[in-house]
């Protein structure tokens, strides 16, 4: 896929980027190469290929879901200006 000078200017405007006129040919070539690679990858037959999240068949090590700290709610709420039923009350911000 070929990209034109006008396309680069429009992309730069949408992205709010300042690109000098001297750099436009370089950006045009780079973006054309990237889109060419995407087209090449899209043309590859992937039927029969199992999707995967990671190339290594690794398992995430998870810690046990166990409470490790003691409940200090009452101590923390002593400093709160307003508390009700164990919850911090805050002033309304949005009407």
PDB file of N, CA and C in Angstrom:
ATOM      1  N   UNK A   1       0.854  -1.174   0.000  1.00  0.00           N
ATOM      2  CA  UNK A   1       0.000   0.000   0.000  1.00  0.00           C
ATOM      3  C   UNK A   1       0.895   1.231   0.000  1.00  0.00           C
ATOM      4  N   UNK A   2       0.615   2.135  -0.879  1.00  0.00           N
ATOM      5  CA  UNK A   2       1.435   3.341  -0.937  1.00  0.00           C
ATOM      6  C   UNK A   2       0.717   4.497  -0.239  1.00  0.00           C
ATOM      7  N   UNK A   3       1.507   5.252   0.461  1.00  0.00           N
ATOM      8  CA  UNK A   3       0.981   6.415   1.176  1.00  0.00           C
ATOM      9  C   UNK A   3       1.505   7.654   0.474  1.00  0.00           C
ATOM     10  N   UNK A   4       0.666   8.638   0.371  1.00  0.00           N
ATOM     11  CA  UNK A   4       1.040   9.878  -0.311  1.00  0.00           C
ATOM     12  C   UNK A   4       1.390  10.956   0.703  1.00  0.00           C
ATOM     13  N   UNK A   5       1.988  12.013   0.199  1.00  0.00           N
ATOM     14  CA  UNK A   5       2.396  13.148   1.021  1.00  0.00           C
ATOM     15  C   UNK A   5       1.194  13.743   1.765  1.00  0.00           C
ATOM     16  N   UNK A   6       0.060  13.825   1.075  1.00  0.00           N
ATOM     17  CA  UNK A   6      -1.145  14.384   1.695  1.00  0.00           C
ATOM     18  C   UNK A   6      -1.613  13.521   2.863  1.00  0.00           C
ATOM     19  N   UNK A   7      -1.451  12.193   2.739  1.00  0.00           N
ATOM     20  CA  UNK A   7      -1.843  11.285   3.823  1.00  0.00           C
ATOM     21  C   UNK A   7      -1.001  11.536   5.074  1.00  0.00           C
ATOM     22  N   UNK A   8       0.302  11.723   4.871  1.00  0.00           N
ATOM     23  CA  UNK A   8       1.189  11.982   6.009  1.00  0.00           C
ATOM     24  C   UNK A   8       0.806  13.293   6.685  1.00  0.00           C
ATOM     25  N   UNK A   9       0.521  14.304   5.892  1.00  0.00           N
ATOM     26  CA  UNK A   9       0.122  15.603   6.472  1.00  0.00           C
ATOM     27  C   UNK A   9      -1.177  15.467   7.262  1.00  0.00           C
ATOM     28  N   UNK A  10      -2.125  14.702   6.733  1.00  0.00           N
ATOM     29  CA  UNK A  10      -3.409  14.522   7.422  1.00  0.00           C
ATOM     30  C   UNK A  10      -3.223  13.737   8.716  1.00  0.00           C
ATOM     31  N   UNK A  11      -2.411  12.679   8.669  1.00  0.00           N
ATOM     32  CA  UNK A  11      -2.139  11.879   9.874  1.00  0.00           C
ATOM     33  C   UNK A  11      -1.455  12.740  10.928  1.00  0.00           C
ATOM     34  N   UNK A  12      -0.483  13.536  10.501  1.00  0.00           N
ATOM     35  CA  UNK A  12       0.229  14.420  11.431  1.00  0.00           C
ATOM     36  C   UNK A  12      -0.734  15.430  12.045  1.00  0.00           C
ATOM     37  N   UNK A  13      -1.637  15.961  11.249  1.00  0.00           N
ATOM     38  CA  UNK A  13      -2.614  16.922  11.779  1.00  0.00           C
ATOM     39  C   UNK A  13      -3.542  16.254  12.799  1.00  0.00           C
ATOM     40  N   UNK A  14      -4.032  15.067  12.470  1.00  0.00           N
ATOM     41  CA  UNK A  14      -4.932  14.364  13.390  1.00  0.00           C
ATOM     42  C   UNK A  14      -4.228  14.001  14.695  1.00  0.00           C
ATOM     43  N   UNK A  15      -2.927  13.675  14.604  1.00  0.00           N
ATOM     44  CA  UNK A  15      -2.156  13.306  15.793  1.00  0.00           C
ATOM     45  C   UNK A  15      -1.563  14.523  16.491  1.00  0.00           C
ATOM     46  N   UNK A  16      -1.838  15.692  15.930  1.00  0.00           N
ATOM     47  CA  UNK A  16      -1.310  16.953  16.482  1.00  0.00           C
ATOM     48  C   UNK A  16       0.213  16.916  16.564  1.00  0.00           C
ATOM     49  N   UNK A  17       0.850  16.467  15.461  1.00  0.00           N
ATOM     50  CA  UNK A  17       2.306  16.402  15.364  1.00  0.00           C
ATOM     51  C   UNK A  17       2.793  17.419  14.357  1.00  0.00           C
ATOM     52  N   UNK A  18       3.906  18.028  14.660  1.00  0.00           N
ATOM     53  CA  UNK A  18       4.535  18.946  13.715  1.00  0.00           C
ATOM     54  C   UNK A  18       5.627  18.182  12.981  1.00  0.00           C
ATOM     55  N   UNK A  19       5.473  18.033  11.673  1.00  0.00           N
ATOM     56  CA  UNK A  19       6.455  17.328  10.854  1.00  0.00           C
ATOM     57  C   UNK A  19       6.965  18.301   9.805  1.00  0.00           C
ATOM     58  N   UNK A  20       8.275  18.398   9.714  1.00  0.00           N
ATOM     59  CA  UNK A  20       8.851  19.302   8.715  1.00  0.00           C
ATOM     60  C   UNK A  20       8.711  18.685   7.321  1.00  0.00           C
ATOM     61  N   UNK A  21       8.721  19.542   6.321  1.00  0.00           N
ATOM     62  CA  UNK A  21       8.590  19.087   4.931  1.00  0.00           C
ATOM     63  C   UNK A  21       9.719  18.135   4.555  1.00  0.00           C
ATOM     64  N   UNK A  22      10.895  18.332   5.134  1.00  0.00           N
ATOM     65  CA  UNK A  22      12.039  17.476   4.809  1.00  0.00           C
ATOM     66  C   UNK A  22      11.860  16.048   5.323  1.00  0.00           C
ATOM     67  N   UNK A  23      11.079  15.879   6.398  1.00  0.00           N
ATOM     68  CA  UNK A  23      10.890  14.553   7.000  1.00  0.00           C
ATOM     69  C   UNK A  23       9.751  13.764   6.380  1.00  0.00           C
ATOM     70  N   UNK A  24       8.906  14.406   5.604  1.00  0.00           N
ATOM     71  CA  UNK A  24       7.726  13.730   5.053  1.00  0.00           C
ATOM     72  C   UNK A  24       8.097  12.521   4.188  1.00  0.00           C
ATOM     73  N   UNK A  25       9.096  12.591   3.308  1.00  0.00           N
ATOM     74  CA  UNK A  25       9.438  11.392   2.516  1.00  0.00           C
ATOM     75  C   UNK A  25       9.857  10.202   3.390  1.00  0.00           C
ATOM     76  N   UNK A  26      10.578  10.473   4.476  1.00  0.00           N
ATOM     77  CA  UNK A  26      11.002   9.387   5.376  1.00  0.00           C
ATOM     78  C   UNK A  26       9.783   8.750   6.046  1.00  0.00           C
ATOM     79  N   UNK A  27       8.860   9.590   6.533  1.00  0.00           N
ATOM     80  CA  UNK A  27       7.643   9.066   7.158  1.00  0.00           C
ATOM     81  C   UNK A  27       6.798   8.304   6.144  1.00  0.00           C
ATOM     82  N   UNK A  28       6.747   8.810   4.920  1.00  0.00           N
ATOM     83  CA  UNK A  28       5.973   8.135   3.881  1.00  0.00           C
ATOM     84  C   UNK A  28       6.525   6.731   3.633  1.00  0.00           C
ATOM     85  N   UNK A  29       7.836   6.626   3.518  1.00  0.00           N
ATOM     86  CA  UNK A  29       8.459   5.322   3.279  1.00  0.00           C
ATOM     87  C   UNK A  29       8.258   4.380   4.463  1.00  0.00           C
ATOM     88  N   UNK A  30       8.455   4.893   5.691  1.00  0.00           N
ATOM     89  CA  UNK A  30       8.309   4.052   6.888  1.00  0.00           C
ATOM     90  C   UNK A  30       6.881   3.528   7.037  1.00  0.00           C
ATOM     91  N   UNK A  31       5.905   4.406   6.877  1.00  0.00           N
ATOM     92  CA  UNK A  31       4.508   3.967   7.016  1.00  0.00           C
ATOM     93  C   UNK A  31       4.111   3.012   5.894  1.00  0.00           C
ATOM     94  N   UNK A  32       4.616   3.247   4.682  1.00  0.00           N
ATOM     95  CA  UNK A  32       4.332   2.325   3.576  1.00  0.00           C
ATOM     96  C   UNK A  32       4.920   0.947   3.865  1.00  0.00           C
ATOM     97  N   UNK A  33       6.141   0.921   4.416  1.00  0.00           N
ATOM     98  CA  UNK A  33       6.759  -0.362   4.771  1.00  0.00           C
ATOM     99  C   UNK A  33       5.959  -1.090   5.848  1.00  0.00           C
ATOM    100  N   UNK A  34       5.490  -0.351   6.849  1.00  0.00           N
ATOM    101  CA  UNK A  34       4.705  -0.964   7.928  1.00  0.00           C
ATOM    102  C   UNK A  34       3.401  -1.537   7.380  1.00  0.00           C
ATOM    103  N   UNK A  35       2.713  -0.760   6.549  1.00  0.00           N
ATOM    104  CA  UNK A  35       1.453  -1.247   5.991  1.00  0.00           C
ATOM    105  C   UNK A  35       1.684  -2.416   5.039  1.00  0.00           C
ATOM    106  N   UNK A  36       2.801  -2.415   4.345  1.00  0.00           N
ATOM    107  CA  UNK A  36       3.143  -3.555   3.489  1.00  0.00           C
ATOM    108  C   UNK A  36       3.355  -4.818   4.303  1.00  0.00           C
ATOM    109  N   UNK A  37       4.020  -4.678   5.452  1.00  0.00           N
ATOM    110  CA  UNK A  37       4.222  -5.827   6.332  1.00  0.00           C
ATOM    111  C   UNK A  37       2.884  -6.341   6.878  1.00  0.00           C
ATOM    112  N   UNK A  38       1.991  -5.426   7.221  1.00  0.00           N
ATOM    113  CA  UNK A  38       0.670  -5.835   7.714  1.00  0.00           C
ATOM    114  C   UNK A  38      -0.090  -6.588   6.624  1.00  0.00           C
ATOM    115  N   UNK A  39      -0.014  -6.102   5.392  1.00  0.00           N
ATOM    116  CA  UNK A  39      -0.672  -6.807   4.283  1.00  0.00           C
ATOM    117  C   UNK A  39      -0.078  -8.194   4.085  1.00  0.00           C
ATOM    118  N   UNK A  40       1.240  -8.273   4.187  1.00  0.00           N
ATOM    119  CA  UNK A  40       1.915  -9.569   4.034  1.00  0.00           C
ATOM    120  C   UNK A  40       1.494 -10.527   5.140  1.00  0.00           C
ATOM    121  N   UNK A  41       1.399 -10.037   6.363  1.00  0.00           N
ATOM    122  CA  UNK A  41       0.985 -10.888   7.473  1.00  0.00           C
ATOM    123  C   UNK A  41      -0.476 -11.299   7.334  1.00  0.00           C
ATOM    124  N   UNK A  42      -1.319 -10.395   6.834  1.00  0.00           N
ATOM    125  CA  UNK A  42      -2.733 -10.714   6.647  1.00  0.00           C
ATOM    126  C   UNK A  42      -2.936 -11.772   5.579  1.00  0.00           C
ATOM    127  N   UNK A  43      -2.026 -11.832   4.611  1.00  0.00           N
ATOM    128  CA  UNK A  43      -2.154 -12.800   3.523  1.00  0.00           C
ATOM    129  C   UNK A  43      -1.707 -14.197   3.935  1.00  0.00           C
ATOM    130  N   UNK A  44      -1.069 -14.318   5.090  1.00  0.00           N
ATOM    131  CA  UNK A  44      -0.573 -15.613   5.546  1.00  0.00           C
ATOM    132  C   UNK A  44      -1.738 -16.498   5.983  1.00  0.00           C
ATOM    133  N   UNK A  45      -1.703 -17.761   5.566  1.00  0.00           N
ATOM    134  CA  UNK A  45      -2.744 -18.716   5.947  1.00  0.00           C
ATOM    135  C   UNK A  45      -2.507 -19.171   7.382  1.00  0.00           C
ATOM    136  N   UNK A  46      -3.416 -18.825   8.274  1.00  0.00           N
ATOM    137  CA  UNK A  46      -3.270 -19.192   9.686  1.00  0.00           C
ATOM    138  C   UNK A  46      -4.300 -20.224  10.132  1.00  0.00           C
ATOM    139  N   UNK A  47      -4.999 -20.821   9.176  1.00  0.00           N
ATOM    140  CA  UNK A  47      -5.931 -21.875   9.568  1.00  0.00           C
ATOM    141  C   UNK A  47      -5.141 -23.021  10.143  1.00  0.00           C
ATOM    142  N   UNK A  48      -5.580 -23.560  11.232  1.00  0.00           N
ATOM    143  CA  UNK A  48      -4.884 -24.668  11.871  1.00  0.00           C
ATOM    144  C   UNK A  48      -3.830 -24.224  12.869  1.00  0.00           C
ATOM    145  N   UNK A  49      -3.627 -22.924  13.000  1.00  0.00           N
ATOM    146  CA  UNK A  49      -2.670 -22.415  13.983  1.00  0.00           C
ATOM    147  C   UNK A  49      -3.456 -22.029  15.224  1.00  0.00           C
ATOM    148  N   UNK A  50      -3.086 -22.601  16.344  1.00  0.00           N
ATOM    149  CA  UNK A  50      -3.790 -22.324  17.582  1.00  0.00           C
ATOM    150  C   UNK A  50      -3.372 -20.962  18.135  1.00  0.00           C
ATOM    151  N   UNK A  51      -4.341 -20.086  18.414  1.00  0.00           N
ATOM    152  CA  UNK A  51      -3.992 -18.786  18.999  1.00  0.00           C
ATOM    153  C   UNK A  51      -3.360 -18.986  20.374  1.00  0.00           C
ATOM    154  N   UNK A  52      -2.406 -18.122  20.701  1.00  0.00           N
ATOM    155  CA  UNK A  52      -1.773 -18.232  22.010  1.00  0.00           C
ATOM    156  C   UNK A  52      -1.482 -16.839  22.538  1.00  0.00           C
ATOM    157  N   UNK A  53      -1.386 -16.756  23.845  1.00  0.00           N
ATOM    158  CA  UNK A  53      -1.098 -15.480  24.486  1.00  0.00           C
ATOM    159  C   UNK A  53       0.386 -15.280  24.687  1.00  0.00           C
ATOM    160  N   UNK A  54       1.140 -16.366  24.714  1.00  0.00           N
ATOM    161  CA  UNK A  54       2.576 -16.285  24.970  1.00  0.00           C
ATOM    162  C   UNK A  54       3.261 -17.438  24.252  1.00  0.00           C
ATOM    163  N   UNK A  55       4.439 -17.212  23.673  1.00  0.00           N
ATOM    164  CA  UNK A  55       5.094 -18.300  22.942  1.00  0.00           C
ATOM    165  C   UNK A  55       5.556 -19.443  23.826  1.00  0.00           C
ATOM    166  N   UNK A  56       5.758 -19.199  25.085  1.00  0.00           N
ATOM    167  CA  UNK A  56       6.142 -20.266  26.009  1.00  0.00           C
ATOM    168  C   UNK A  56       4.907 -20.741  26.752  1.00  0.00           C
ATOM    169  N   UNK A  57       4.795 -22.006  26.968  1.00  0.00           N
ATOM    170  CA  UNK A  57       3.634 -22.557  27.662  1.00  0.00           C
ATOM    171  C   UNK A  57       3.844 -22.382  29.163  1.00  0.00           C
ATOM    172  N   UNK A  58       3.838 -21.138  29.609  1.00  0.00           N
ATOM    173  CA  UNK A  58       4.112 -20.832  31.011  1.00  0.00           C
ATOM    174  C   UNK A  58       2.804 -20.623  31.764  1.00  0.00           C
ATOM    175  N   UNK A  59       2.814 -20.995  33.009  1.00  0.00           N
ATOM    176  CA  UNK A  59       1.673 -20.788  33.882  1.00  0.00           C
ATOM    177  C   UNK A  59       1.979 -19.644  34.839  1.00  0.00           C
ATOM    178  N   UNK A  60       1.005 -18.799  35.093  1.00  0.00           N
ATOM    179  CA  UNK A  60       1.183 -17.691  36.023  1.00  0.00           C
ATOM    180  C   UNK A  60       1.186 -18.221  37.448  1.00  0.00           C
ATOM    181  N   UNK A  61       2.232 -17.879  38.179  1.00  0.00           N
ATOM    182  CA  UNK A  61       2.285 -18.285  39.580  1.00  0.00           C
ATOM    183  C   UNK A  61       1.464 -17.297  40.389  1.00  0.00           C
ATOM    184  N   UNK A  62       0.451 -17.784  41.043  1.00  0.00           N
ATOM    185  CA  UNK A  62      -0.428 -16.931  41.827  1.00  0.00           C
ATOM    186  C   UNK A  62      -0.265 -17.243  43.301  1.00  0.00           C
ATOM    187  N   UNK A  63      -0.365 -16.215  44.095  1.00  0.00           N
ATOM    188  CA  UNK A  63      -0.304 -16.429  45.541  1.00  0.00           C
ATOM    189  C   UNK A  63      -1.685 -16.848  46.021  1.00  0.00           C
ATOM    190  N   UNK A  64      -1.724 -17.445  47.171  1.00  0.00           N
ATOM    191  CA  UNK A  64      -3.006 -17.856  47.752  1.00  0.00           C
ATOM    192  C   UNK A  64      -3.818 -16.622  48.111  1.00  0.00           C
ATOM    193  N   UNK A  65      -5.110 -16.692  47.891  1.00  0.00           N
ATOM    194  CA  UNK A  65      -5.995 -15.569  48.188  1.00  0.00           C
ATOM    195  C   UNK A  65      -6.374 -15.628  49.664  1.00  0.00           C
ATOM    196  N   UNK A  66      -5.455 -15.150  50.500  1.00  0.00           N
ATOM    197  CA  UNK A  66      -5.626 -15.223  51.945  1.00  0.00           C
ATOM    198  C   UNK A  66      -5.404 -13.827  52.528  1.00  0.00           C
ATOM    199  N   UNK A  67      -6.232 -13.450  53.490  1.00  0.00           N
ATOM    200  CA  UNK A  67      -6.058 -12.166  54.167  1.00  0.00           C
ATOM    201  C   UNK A  67      -4.790 -12.232  55.002  1.00  0.00           C
ATOM    202  N   UNK A  68      -3.902 -11.254  54.800  1.00  0.00           N
ATOM    203  CA  UNK A  68      -2.631 -11.270  55.521  1.00  0.00           C
ATOM    204  C   UNK A  68      -2.491 -10.114  56.510  1.00  0.00           C
ATOM    205  N   UNK A  69      -3.421  -9.165  56.488  1.00  0.00           N
ATOM    206  CA  UNK A  69      -3.350  -8.032  57.404  1.00  0.00           C
ATOM    207  C   UNK A  69      -4.575  -8.037  58.306  1.00  0.00           C
ATOM    208  N   UNK A  70      -4.386  -7.500  59.502  1.00  0.00           N
ATOM    209  CA  UNK A  70      -5.525  -7.451  60.426  1.00  0.00           C
ATOM    210  C   UNK A  70      -6.421  -6.267  60.081  1.00  0.00           C
ATOM    211  N   UNK A  71      -7.669  -6.370  60.475  1.00  0.00           N
ATOM    212  CA  UNK A  71      -8.658  -5.334  60.204  1.00  0.00           C
ATOM    213  C   UNK A  71      -8.394  -4.126  61.108  1.00  0.00           C
ATOM    214  N   UNK A  72      -8.097  -2.977  60.503  1.00  0.00           N
ATOM    215  CA  UNK A  72      -7.829  -1.756  61.258  1.00  0.00           C
ATOM    216  C   UNK A  72      -8.811  -0.647  60.886  1.00  0.00           C
ATOM    217  N   UNK A  73      -9.989  -1.030  60.433  1.00  0.00           N
ATOM    218  CA  UNK A  73     -10.963  -0.055  59.972  1.00  0.00           C
ATOM    219  C   UNK A  73     -11.295   0.980  61.039  1.00  0.00           C
ATOM    220  N   UNK A  74     -11.563   0.538  62.250  1.00  0.00           N
ATOM    221  CA  UNK A  74     -11.944   1.485  63.311  1.00  0.00           C
ATOM    222  C   UNK A  74     -10.831   2.477  63.595  1.00  0.00           C
ATOM    223  N   UNK A  75      -9.604   2.002  63.598  1.00  0.00           N
ATOM    224  CA  UNK A  75      -8.470   2.885  63.851  1.00  0.00           C
ATOM    225  C   UNK A  75      -8.342   3.930  62.734  1.00  0.00           C
ATOM    226  N   UNK A  76      -8.506   3.530  61.485  1.00  0.00           N
ATOM    227  CA  UNK A  76      -8.395   4.459  60.364  1.00  0.00           C
ATOM    228  C   UNK A  76      -9.552   5.453  60.345  1.00  0.00           C
ATOM    229  N   UNK A  77     -10.734   5.007  60.774  1.00  0.00           N
ATOM    230  CA  UNK A  77     -11.899   5.885  60.711  1.00  0.00           C
ATOM    231  C   UNK A  77     -11.964   6.860  61.873  1.00  0.00           C
ATOM    232  N   UNK A  78     -11.105   6.720  62.855  1.00  0.00           N
ATOM    233  CA  UNK A  78     -11.074   7.678  63.960  1.00  0.00           C
ATOM    234  C   UNK A  78     -10.730   9.078  63.456  1.00  0.00           C
ATOM    235  N   UNK A  79      -9.900   9.163  62.429  1.00  0.00           N
ATOM    236  CA  UNK A  79      -9.479  10.452  61.894  1.00  0.00           C
ATOM    237  C   UNK A  79     -10.429  11.006  60.838  1.00  0.00           C
ATOM    238  N   UNK A  80     -11.396  10.226  60.421  1.00  0.00           N
ATOM    239  CA  UNK A  80     -12.306  10.657  59.357  1.00  0.00           C
ATOM    240  C   UNK A  80     -13.294  11.680  59.897  1.00  0.00           C
ATOM    241  N   UNK A  81     -13.593  12.708  59.115  1.00  0.00           N
ATOM    242  CA  UNK A  81     -14.554  13.709  59.572  1.00  0.00           C
ATOM    243  C   UNK A  81     -15.969  13.165  59.696  1.00  0.00           C
ATOM    244  N   UNK A  82     -16.325  12.181  58.854  1.00  0.00           N
ATOM    245  CA  UNK A  82     -17.681  11.656  58.897  1.00  0.00           C
ATOM    246  C   UNK A  82     -17.674  10.180  58.488  1.00  0.00           C
ATOM    247  N   UNK A  83     -18.320   9.343  59.335  1.00  0.00           N
ATOM    248  CA  UNK A  83     -18.383   7.902  59.095  1.00  0.00           C
ATOM    249  C   UNK A  83     -19.803   7.438  59.386  1.00  0.00           C
ATOM    250  N   UNK A  84     -20.257   6.472  58.573  1.00  0.00           N
ATOM    251  CA  UNK A  84     -21.589   5.908  58.829  1.00  0.00           C
ATOM    252  C   UNK A  84     -21.572   4.442  58.433  1.00  0.00           C
ATOM    253  N   UNK A  85     -21.972   3.572  59.335  1.00  0.00           N
ATOM    254  CA  UNK A  85     -22.043   2.126  59.100  1.00  0.00           C
ATOM    255  C   UNK A  85     -20.722   1.567  58.586  1.00  0.00           C
ATOM    256  N   UNK A  86     -19.616   2.050  59.111  1.00  0.00           N
ATOM    257  CA  UNK A  86     -18.309   1.549  58.720  1.00  0.00           C
ATOM    258  C   UNK A  86     -17.791   2.081  57.405  1.00  0.00           C
ATOM    259  N   UNK A  87     -18.462   3.084  56.849  1.00  0.00           N
ATOM    260  CA  UNK A  87     -18.045   3.668  55.574  1.00  0.00           C
ATOM    261  C   UNK A  87     -17.661   5.134  55.748  1.00  0.00           C
ATOM    262  N   UNK A  88     -16.653   5.582  54.994  1.00  0.00           N
ATOM    263  CA  UNK A  88     -16.293   6.987  54.990  1.00  0.00           C
ATOM    264  C   UNK A  88     -17.348   7.772  54.227  1.00  0.00           C
ATOM    265  N   UNK A  89     -17.802   8.895  54.800  1.00  0.00           N
ATOM    266  CA  UNK A  89     -18.741   9.762  54.096  1.00  0.00           C
ATOM    267  C   UNK A  89     -17.956  10.956  53.568  1.00  0.00           C
ATOM    268  N   UNK A  90     -18.183  11.269  52.313  1.00  0.00           N
ATOM    269  CA  UNK A  90     -17.495  12.399  51.680  1.00  0.00           C
ATOM    270  C   UNK A  90     -18.537  13.357  51.136  1.00  0.00           C
ATOM    271  N   UNK A  91     -18.164  14.635  50.997  1.00  0.00           N
ATOM    272  CA  UNK A  91     -19.117  15.602  50.437  1.00  0.00           C
ATOM    273  C   UNK A  91     -19.448  15.286  48.985  1.00  0.00           C
ATOM    274  N   UNK A  92     -20.660  15.612  48.592  1.00  0.00           N
ATOM    275  CA  UNK A  92     -21.081  15.378  47.214  1.00  0.00           C
ATOM    276  C   UNK A  92     -20.287  16.311  46.305  1.00  0.00           C
ATOM    277  N   UNK A  93     -19.732  15.751  45.225  1.00  0.00           N
ATOM    278  CA  UNK A  93     -18.916  16.541  44.315  1.00  0.00           C
ATOM    279  C   UNK A  93     -19.683  16.875  43.037  1.00  0.00           C
ATOM    280  N   UNK A  94     -20.456  15.927  42.549  1.00  0.00           N
ATOM    281  CA  UNK A  94     -21.203  16.100  41.314  1.00  0.00           C
ATOM    282  C   UNK A  94     -22.690  16.165  41.644  1.00  0.00           C
ATOM    283  N   UNK A  95     -23.361  17.133  41.073  1.00  0.00           N
ATOM    284  CA  UNK A  95     -24.795  17.272  41.324  1.00  0.00           C
ATOM    285  C   UNK A  95     -25.591  16.466  40.339  1.00  0.00           C
TER     286      UNK A  95
END
